[in-house]
Amino acid sequence: MVDRKLYVRSRGKVTGPFTLEQLRSLRKRGQLGRFHEVSEDRQLWTAASSISEVFADAKTLEEPADTAVQELASAPPPAAARVEWYYIDAFGARQGPVATEEIVAQYQSGNIAEASLVWKQGLAEWVPLESLPGAFPQLHRGDGASAVGRDDDSTSGTAKATSWRRVRTGLTLALIAIFLFVGAGMVAGIAILMAVTGKGGADLVGVMVFFILAWALNFTSQVLEAVAFGFCAAAPSRSGAKGLGITAWIMAIAIPVLAVATIILLISSAGLSAQDSEHVVAAVTGGLVGALSIVSWLLAVVKMVSIMLFLRAASVYLEDTKLAQRLSYLLILYGGTAFFSLFLAFSMATWASPRGGETEMHAVGLVAFAMLTVMLWLFWLIFYIVLLLQCRGLIEKRLPAP
C-alpha cells in the first residue's frame, strides 16, 4: 500500500508533502500539533488531529491541560451556564476559555479567521470556525460576514466584502487600461511606419493624425488606470495592501497631469520660438520637457512596483502563496527589464560614432539590444496581464455569494 503523503498548513504557509512517518517525527519534535491543518490535495483541509496514524497515542479529545478548567468542565454546569470555547490564534497558540461573544469579537478584529480551529466541551475534535454555522450565526448570515480575508477593526464583514469587490472592479479597469495602452502602441507603430515609408504632405498629415490618436489612446489608458488604482486603494487595511494601493493611485494620477503639462508647455513655447532668434526658448523648453519625461518615467516605475507589491500583499492575505511567489518573479522581471531600458537609453544618448568600420557593428549591437529589451517588455506585459487575471479570479473565488 502506498504511504499517504500530506501537506501541512499553519498560518497560511503550506509545507510538504510529508509521509506519515515524517509527520510522526514532526509531532515528537513539537513541530506539528492538533491545531495544524493537513491536506492530501491542497484543496480540502482538515485538522491534523483527525489523522489517527499520527495522533493514535494521544487522547481522542485534546482537552485543555489546565486542572482548574478540567474540574470545571467535569462538574455539572448550572442551567444558565455559558458555553466556553477554546481557539487557536493567528500565532498557533491555544486560547480560552472564552464566551461565544468573544469568539465573534476575535473574528471581527482579525485575530482569527474562518479556518481557525475552535473546540468546546462536547466536540470530538478541534474544528474550523466556518464549520459551525449553528453556533456562530453572526458569522454565517450570508451577507458578507464570511467574506474575503478578515475584518478591519472599524468595519463589518459586509463592508469588508464591499472593499474587495471594489478591488475586483479596479483590477478589471486596469486590464482594460492595459489593452488601451497596447492599442496606443500599435497606432504609434503605424504612424512611425508611415513616416519612414511615406512621401509628400498628405502622408505627413496622416502621420500626425495617427500620432495624435496614439497619444489620445495612451492618455485615456493612463486616466483609466488612475481610476482603477483608486478602486484598489479601497482594500481593507489589515490586508497590508491598502497603503501600496494608495501609493500606486497617487502615482497614476500624477502621470497624466505631467503629460498635460508637457503638451501645454510645448504649445505655449511654439509661438515664442518663432520670435526667438537665439533659440533660447527652444533650449529651455527642451530641457523642461526632458525633465518632465524623466520624472514621469520615475513615477511610472514607482507606480508599477507599488501595484505589483499590492497584488502580492493581497495574495498573501488571501492565502494563495503560489500566486504571491509568481508576483515576486514578476517584480524581479520588471526590475531587470527596467535596468535594460536604462542601459539602452544611456547607450543611445552617449553614442559617438566609432571610427572606421566599427560604426555599422556598433549600430547592429544597439539594434539587437533594443530588440531584446522590447521582447523582455512584451514578456513582462503578458505575465502581468495573466497575474492580474489570476488575482481577480482569486478575489472572485473568496467573495461570498451575493
Protein backbone atom coordinates (compact mmCIF):
# COMPACT_ATOMS: atom_id res chain seq x y z
CA MET A 1 0.00 0.00 0.00
CA VAL A 2 1.37 3.41 -0.95
CA ASP A 3 2.13 5.56 2.06
CA ARG A 4 -0.09 8.63 2.33
CA LYS A 5 1.53 11.99 1.79
CA LEU A 6 0.04 15.07 3.36
CA TYR A 7 0.60 18.82 3.16
CA VAL A 8 0.63 20.87 6.39
CA ARG A 9 -0.76 24.41 6.66
CA SER A 10 -0.06 26.78 9.53
CA ARG A 11 -0.91 30.50 9.49
CA GLY A 12 -1.37 30.42 5.73
CA LYS A 13 2.00 28.77 5.00
CA VAL A 14 1.88 25.39 3.29
CA THR A 15 4.74 22.87 3.61
CA GLY A 16 5.20 19.31 2.45
CA PRO A 17 4.20 16.82 1.33
CA PHE A 18 5.19 14.61 4.27
CA THR A 19 4.81 10.89 4.80
CA LEU A 20 3.03 9.65 7.92
CA GLU A 21 6.38 8.69 9.41
CA GLN A 22 7.69 12.22 8.83
CA LEU A 23 4.54 13.68 10.39
CA ARG A 24 5.00 11.48 13.47
CA SER A 25 8.58 12.71 13.70
CA LEU A 26 7.44 16.34 13.42
CA ARG A 27 4.90 15.75 16.18
CA LYS A 28 7.51 14.26 18.51
CA ARG A 29 9.72 17.30 17.97
CA GLY A 30 6.80 19.62 18.75
CA GLN A 31 6.63 20.97 15.19
CA LEU A 32 3.19 19.51 14.46
CA GLY A 33 0.18 19.99 16.70
CA ARG A 34 -3.51 19.22 16.59
CA PHE A 35 -4.24 22.82 15.64
CA HIS A 36 -2.38 22.48 12.32
CA GLU A 37 -4.32 21.68 9.15
CA VAL A 38 -3.47 18.87 6.73
CA SER A 39 -4.50 18.03 3.18
CA GLU A 40 -3.70 15.46 0.52
CA ASP A 41 -4.61 17.69 -2.44
CA ARG A 42 -4.07 21.24 -1.04
CA GLN A 43 -7.78 21.87 -1.62
CA LEU A 44 -9.63 20.17 1.23
CA TRP A 45 -8.09 20.87 4.64
CA THR A 46 -8.85 19.20 7.96
CA ALA A 47 -7.44 19.31 11.48
CA ALA A 48 -4.24 17.35 11.99
CA SER A 49 -5.88 15.66 14.97
CA SER A 50 -8.06 13.72 12.53
CA ILE A 51 -5.02 11.72 11.31
CA SER A 52 -5.24 8.76 13.69
CA GLU A 53 -1.95 7.28 12.45
CA VAL A 54 -0.13 10.35 13.78
CA PHE A 55 -2.11 11.06 16.95
CA ALA A 56 -3.08 7.46 17.82
CA ASP A 57 -1.19 7.54 21.12
CA ALA A 58 -2.97 10.67 22.33
CA LYS A 59 -6.45 11.17 23.70
CA THR A 60 -9.21 11.24 21.17
CA LEU A 61 -10.17 14.60 22.53
CA GLU A 62 -7.47 17.12 23.32
CA GLU A 63 -8.87 18.96 26.29
CA PRO A 64 -7.06 21.90 27.87
CA ALA A 65 -4.42 20.86 30.34
CA ASP A 66 -5.39 23.40 32.94
CA THR A 67 -6.54 21.39 36.00
CA ALA A 68 -8.97 24.00 37.17
CA VAL A 69 -10.57 24.11 33.73
CA GLN A 70 -10.86 20.29 33.65
CA GLU A 71 -12.50 20.23 37.05
CA LEU A 72 -14.89 22.95 35.98
CA ALA A 73 -15.75 21.02 32.80
CA SER A 74 -16.40 17.79 34.73
CA ALA A 75 -18.67 19.47 37.26
CA PRO A 76 -22.39 19.58 36.42
CA PRO A 77 -22.99 23.00 34.85
CA PRO A 78 -25.71 25.28 36.12
CA ALA A 79 -28.78 25.63 33.97
CA ALA A 80 -27.75 29.01 32.54
CA ALA A 81 -24.03 28.28 32.23
CA ARG A 82 -22.35 29.95 29.28
CA VAL A 83 -20.66 27.96 26.52
CA GLU A 84 -16.88 28.10 26.91
CA TRP A 85 -14.76 27.95 23.79
CA TYR A 86 -11.08 27.40 23.15
CA TYR A 87 -9.48 28.55 19.92
CA ILE A 88 -6.15 28.62 18.09
CA ASP A 89 -5.00 32.18 17.43
CA ALA A 90 -3.04 33.50 14.45
CA PHE A 91 0.26 32.50 16.10
CA GLY A 92 -0.77 28.87 16.63
CA ALA A 93 -1.28 29.28 20.37
CA ARG A 94 -4.31 27.91 22.20
CA GLN A 95 -6.50 30.49 23.92
CA GLY A 96 -9.52 30.20 26.19
CA PRO A 97 -11.87 29.57 27.78
CA VAL A 98 -13.93 32.41 26.30
CA ALA A 99 -17.60 33.01 25.62
CA THR A 100 -19.22 32.83 22.19
CA GLU A 101 -19.29 36.63 22.07
CA GLU A 102 -15.51 36.72 22.49
CA ILE A 103 -15.03 34.33 19.56
CA VAL A 104 -17.14 36.66 17.42
CA ALA A 105 -15.13 39.67 18.61
CA GLN A 106 -11.82 37.92 17.86
CA TYR A 107 -13.06 37.09 14.35
CA GLN A 108 -14.23 40.64 13.66
CA SER A 109 -10.92 42.09 14.89
CA GLY A 110 -8.96 39.82 12.55
CA ASN A 111 -7.25 37.71 15.23
CA ILE A 112 -8.90 34.55 13.92
CA ALA A 113 -10.37 33.63 10.53
CA GLU A 114 -12.95 31.23 9.13
CA ALA A 115 -10.36 28.44 9.01
CA SER A 116 -9.20 28.93 12.62
CA LEU A 117 -9.71 25.88 14.83
CA VAL A 118 -12.08 26.00 17.83
CA TRP A 119 -13.19 23.50 20.46
CA LYS A 120 -15.69 23.25 23.28
CA GLN A 121 -16.95 20.56 25.60
CA GLY A 122 -18.92 18.03 23.56
CA LEU A 123 -16.93 18.30 20.32
CA ALA A 124 -14.93 15.21 19.36
CA GLU A 125 -12.04 17.28 17.98
CA TRP A 126 -10.88 20.74 17.02
CA VAL A 127 -12.89 22.01 14.04
CA PRO A 128 -12.70 25.08 11.76
CA LEU A 129 -14.83 28.02 12.83
CA GLU A 130 -16.62 28.07 9.47
CA SER A 131 -17.94 24.53 10.07
CA LEU A 132 -20.17 25.67 12.95
CA PRO A 133 -22.85 27.93 11.43
CA GLY A 134 -25.32 26.94 14.14
CA ALA A 135 -23.00 28.00 16.97
CA PHE A 136 -21.98 31.28 15.33
CA PRO A 137 -24.91 32.59 13.28
CA GLN A 138 -23.38 36.10 13.47
CA LEU A 139 -20.59 34.91 11.16
CA HIS A 140 -22.77 32.97 8.71
CA ARG A 141 -25.55 35.33 7.72
CA GLY A 142 -24.70 35.11 4.03
CA ASP A 143 -24.46 38.92 3.75
CA GLY A 144 -20.69 39.17 3.58
CA ALA A 145 -19.83 38.33 7.17
CA SER A 146 -17.82 35.34 5.95
CA ALA A 147 -16.27 37.21 3.04
CA VAL A 148 -12.70 37.51 1.81
CA GLY A 149 -9.94 37.70 4.43
CA ARG A 150 -10.55 39.23 7.83
CA ASP A 151 -12.40 42.26 9.16
CA ASP A 152 -10.90 45.62 9.95
CA ASP A 153 -11.42 46.99 13.43
CA SER A 154 -13.82 49.67 12.21
CA THR A 155 -15.73 47.78 9.53
CA SER A 156 -18.24 44.97 9.43
CA GLY A 157 -17.95 41.84 7.35
CA THR A 158 -20.29 43.36 4.75
CA ALA A 159 -18.11 46.47 4.43
CA LYS A 160 -15.04 44.25 4.08
CA ALA A 161 -16.64 42.29 1.24
CA THR A 162 -17.57 45.58 -0.42
CA SER A 163 -13.93 46.68 -0.21
CA TRP A 164 -12.76 43.56 -2.02
CA ARG A 165 -15.47 43.98 -4.64
CA ARG A 166 -14.05 47.44 -5.33
CA VAL A 167 -10.59 45.93 -5.69
CA ARG A 168 -12.03 43.42 -8.16
CA THR A 169 -13.56 46.30 -10.13
CA GLY A 170 -10.21 48.11 -10.05
CA LEU A 171 -8.41 45.09 -11.49
CA THR A 172 -10.99 44.85 -14.27
CA LEU A 173 -10.46 48.52 -15.18
CA ALA A 174 -6.69 48.03 -15.02
CA LEU A 175 -6.94 45.25 -17.58
CA ILE A 176 -8.98 47.50 -19.90
CA ALA A 177 -6.36 50.24 -19.46
CA ILE A 178 -3.61 47.81 -20.48
CA PHE A 179 -5.42 46.92 -23.71
CA LEU A 180 -5.89 50.63 -24.48
CA PHE A 181 -2.15 51.11 -23.93
CA VAL A 182 -1.37 48.24 -26.29
CA GLY A 183 -3.71 49.81 -28.87
CA ALA A 184 -1.89 53.13 -28.49
CA GLY A 185 1.41 51.37 -29.16
CA MET A 186 0.06 49.72 -32.29
CA VAL A 187 -1.27 53.05 -33.63
CA ALA A 188 2.05 54.73 -32.88
CA GLY A 189 3.83 51.91 -34.74
CA ILE A 190 1.65 52.55 -37.80
CA ALA A 191 2.48 56.26 -37.61
CA ILE A 192 6.21 55.52 -37.46
CA LEU A 193 5.93 53.12 -40.40
CA MET A 194 4.09 55.78 -42.41
CA ALA A 195 6.73 58.37 -41.55
CA VAL A 196 9.55 56.09 -42.67
CA THR A 197 7.99 54.88 -45.93
CA GLY A 198 5.69 57.76 -46.91
CA LYS A 199 6.32 60.80 -49.09
CA GLY A 200 4.58 64.10 -49.55
CA GLY A 201 2.38 66.40 -47.47
CA ALA A 202 -0.62 64.07 -47.49
CA ASP A 203 1.41 61.35 -45.81
CA LEU A 204 2.63 63.87 -43.24
CA VAL A 205 -0.95 64.74 -42.33
CA GLY A 206 -1.76 61.06 -41.95
CA VAL A 207 1.28 60.55 -39.70
CA MET A 208 0.22 63.46 -37.49
CA VAL A 209 -3.33 62.10 -37.24
CA PHE A 210 -2.09 58.69 -36.17
CA PHE A 211 0.34 60.17 -33.64
CA ILE A 212 -2.44 62.30 -32.12
CA LEU A 213 -4.70 59.24 -31.96
CA ALA A 214 -1.93 57.23 -30.28
CA TRP A 215 -1.40 59.98 -27.72
CA ALA A 216 -5.16 60.18 -27.02
CA LEU A 217 -5.39 56.40 -26.51
CA ASN A 218 -2.37 56.42 -24.22
CA PHE A 219 -3.73 59.35 -22.21
CA THR A 220 -7.11 57.60 -21.87
CA SER A 221 -5.39 54.44 -20.64
CA GLN A 222 -3.49 56.49 -18.03
CA VAL A 223 -6.68 58.15 -16.77
CA LEU A 224 -8.50 54.82 -16.64
CA GLU A 225 -5.55 53.27 -14.79
CA ALA A 226 -5.73 56.07 -12.20
CA VAL A 227 -9.41 55.30 -11.68
CA ALA A 228 -8.61 51.58 -11.43
CA PHE A 229 -5.95 52.08 -8.78
CA GLY A 230 -8.35 54.33 -6.89
CA PHE A 231 -10.66 51.33 -6.56
CA CYS A 232 -7.71 49.16 -5.50
CA ALA A 233 -6.90 51.66 -2.73
CA ALA A 234 -10.18 50.59 -1.08
CA ALA A 235 -8.58 47.31 0.06
CA PRO A 236 -9.02 46.53 3.80
CA SER A 237 -6.26 47.97 5.97
CA ARG A 238 -5.44 44.63 7.59
CA SER A 239 -4.56 43.13 4.22
CA GLY A 240 -1.33 45.13 4.15
CA ALA A 241 -2.17 46.23 0.60
CA LYS A 242 -4.06 49.46 1.22
CA GLY A 243 -1.01 51.71 1.56
CA LEU A 244 0.52 50.25 -1.60
CA GLY A 245 -2.75 50.79 -3.47
CA ILE A 246 -2.86 54.43 -2.36
CA THR A 247 0.76 54.95 -3.49
CA ALA A 248 0.03 53.47 -6.92
CA TRP A 249 -3.11 55.62 -7.14
CA ILE A 250 -1.21 58.86 -6.42
CA MET A 251 1.47 57.99 -8.97
CA ALA A 252 -1.18 57.09 -11.56
CA ILE A 253 -2.85 60.50 -11.07
CA ALA A 254 0.44 62.40 -11.33
CA ILE A 255 1.49 60.82 -14.66
CA PRO A 256 -1.40 62.12 -16.85
CA VAL A 257 -1.14 65.50 -15.10
CA LEU A 258 2.51 65.70 -16.18
CA ALA A 259 1.51 64.61 -19.70
CA VAL A 260 -0.96 67.51 -19.94
CA ALA A 261 1.65 69.90 -18.52
CA THR A 262 4.13 68.78 -21.19
CA ILE A 263 1.61 69.39 -24.00
CA ILE A 264 0.75 72.84 -22.63
CA LEU A 265 4.46 73.67 -22.39
CA LEU A 266 5.09 72.63 -26.00
CA ILE A 267 2.10 74.57 -27.34
CA SER A 268 2.89 77.74 -25.38
CA SER A 269 6.53 77.69 -26.43
CA ALA A 270 5.72 77.17 -30.13
CA GLY A 271 4.67 80.81 -30.62
CA LEU A 272 7.61 82.18 -28.68
CA SER A 273 10.14 80.11 -30.64
CA ALA A 274 9.23 81.91 -33.88
CA GLN A 275 10.36 85.23 -32.35
CA ASP A 276 13.45 83.78 -30.64
CA SER A 277 16.40 84.17 -32.99
CA GLU A 278 18.87 82.78 -30.47
CA HIS A 279 16.77 79.67 -29.80
CA VAL A 280 16.81 80.26 -26.05
CA VAL A 281 13.13 79.35 -25.71
CA ALA A 282 13.65 76.12 -27.63
CA ALA A 283 16.58 75.17 -25.42
CA VAL A 284 14.67 75.90 -22.20
CA THR A 285 11.59 74.10 -23.46
CA GLY A 286 13.64 71.08 -24.47
CA GLY A 287 15.24 70.95 -21.03
CA LEU A 288 11.89 71.21 -19.24
CA VAL A 289 10.33 68.55 -21.46
CA GLY A 290 13.28 66.26 -20.80
CA ALA A 291 12.99 66.82 -17.04
CA LEU A 292 9.24 66.16 -17.08
CA SER A 293 9.85 62.97 -19.10
CA ILE A 294 12.38 61.71 -16.55
CA VAL A 295 10.02 62.49 -13.66
CA SER A 296 7.16 60.73 -15.48
CA TRP A 297 9.34 57.66 -16.03
CA LEU A 298 10.33 57.54 -12.35
CA LEU A 299 6.69 57.92 -11.28
CA ALA A 300 5.74 55.10 -13.65
CA VAL A 301 8.37 52.83 -12.07
CA VAL A 302 7.13 53.62 -8.55
CA LYS A 303 3.53 53.08 -9.72
CA MET A 304 4.18 49.68 -11.23
CA VAL A 305 6.32 48.47 -8.32
CA SER A 306 3.60 49.61 -5.90
CA ILE A 307 0.78 47.86 -7.75
CA MET A 308 2.76 44.63 -8.07
CA LEU A 309 3.55 44.73 -4.33
CA PHE A 310 -0.14 45.48 -3.77
CA LEU A 311 -1.15 42.35 -5.68
CA ARG A 312 1.43 40.29 -3.81
CA ALA A 313 0.22 41.54 -0.40
CA ALA A 314 -3.38 40.78 -1.36
CA SER A 315 -2.40 37.26 -2.49
CA VAL A 316 -0.57 36.59 0.78
CA TYR A 317 -3.54 37.86 2.77
CA LEU A 318 -5.90 35.65 0.77
CA GLU A 319 -3.57 32.68 1.42
CA ASP A 320 -2.50 31.98 -2.16
CA THR A 321 1.23 31.52 -1.65
CA LYS A 322 1.84 30.27 -5.20
CA LEU A 323 0.35 33.40 -6.73
CA ALA A 324 2.36 35.56 -4.32
CA GLN A 325 5.52 33.76 -5.43
CA ARG A 326 4.71 34.33 -9.10
CA LEU A 327 4.19 38.03 -8.37
CA SER A 328 7.65 38.10 -6.78
CA TYR A 329 9.05 36.72 -10.03
CA LEU A 330 7.11 39.41 -11.92
CA LEU A 331 8.76 42.09 -9.77
CA ILE A 332 12.22 40.68 -10.48
CA LEU A 333 11.47 40.57 -14.21
CA TYR A 334 10.25 44.17 -14.10
CA GLY A 335 13.39 45.33 -12.32
CA GLY A 336 15.66 43.58 -14.84
CA THR A 337 13.73 44.93 -17.83
CA ALA A 338 13.75 48.48 -16.43
CA PHE A 339 17.53 48.21 -15.96
CA PHE A 340 17.93 47.02 -19.57
CA SER A 341 15.87 50.01 -20.73
CA LEU A 342 18.01 52.46 -18.76
CA PHE A 343 21.18 50.92 -20.14
CA LEU A 344 19.81 51.12 -23.68
CA ALA A 345 18.78 54.77 -23.25
CA PHE A 346 22.19 55.65 -21.83
CA SER A 347 23.96 53.86 -24.69
CA MET A 348 21.93 55.69 -27.33
CA ALA A 349 22.30 59.08 -25.63
CA THR A 350 26.07 58.83 -25.26
CA TRP A 351 26.76 57.10 -28.56
CA ALA A 352 29.52 58.86 -30.51
CA SER A 353 30.09 57.30 -33.91
CA PRO A 354 33.12 54.97 -33.74
CA ARG A 355 35.95 55.30 -36.21
CA GLY A 356 36.38 53.18 -39.30
CA GLY A 357 34.38 50.01 -39.78
CA GLU A 358 33.12 49.93 -36.19
CA THR A 359 30.16 52.19 -36.99
CA GLU A 360 27.99 49.50 -38.55
CA MET A 361 28.89 46.93 -35.88
CA HIS A 362 28.03 49.37 -33.11
CA ALA A 363 24.68 50.19 -34.71
CA VAL A 364 23.85 46.49 -35.14
CA GLY A 365 24.69 45.90 -31.48
CA LEU A 366 22.37 48.69 -30.37
CA VAL A 367 19.53 47.42 -32.57
CA ALA A 368 19.94 43.86 -31.23
CA PHE A 369 19.95 45.12 -27.64
CA ALA A 370 16.86 47.25 -28.34
CA MET A 371 15.02 44.22 -29.77
CA LEU A 372 15.95 42.17 -26.69
CA THR A 373 14.63 44.92 -24.43
CA VAL A 374 11.36 45.11 -26.38
CA MET A 375 10.94 41.34 -26.13
CA LEU A 376 11.51 41.47 -22.38
CA TRP A 377 8.87 44.20 -22.04
CA LEU A 378 6.39 42.14 -24.08
CA PHE A 379 7.05 39.06 -21.95
CA TRP A 380 6.63 41.10 -18.77
CA LEU A 381 3.39 42.63 -20.06
CA ILE A 382 1.90 39.23 -20.89
CA PHE A 383 2.98 37.87 -17.50
CA TYR A 384 1.46 40.93 -15.79
CA ILE A 385 -1.87 40.50 -17.59
CA VAL A 386 -2.02 36.81 -16.66
CA LEU A 387 -1.32 37.52 -12.98
CA LEU A 388 -3.86 40.35 -12.92
CA LEU A 389 -6.47 37.89 -14.19
CA GLN A 390 -5.42 35.34 -11.56
CA CYS A 391 -5.65 37.92 -8.76
CA ARG A 392 -9.08 38.94 -9.93
CA GLY A 393 -10.13 35.29 -10.04
CA LEU A 394 -8.77 34.75 -6.51
CA ILE A 395 -10.85 37.61 -5.14
CA GLU A 396 -13.88 36.37 -7.08
CA LYS A 397 -13.47 32.91 -5.53
CA ARG A 398 -13.12 34.25 -1.99
CA LEU A 399 -16.12 36.59 -2.16
CA PRO A 400 -19.40 35.26 -0.75
CA ALA A 401 -22.40 34.72 -2.96
CA PRO A 402 -24.45 37.95 -3.30
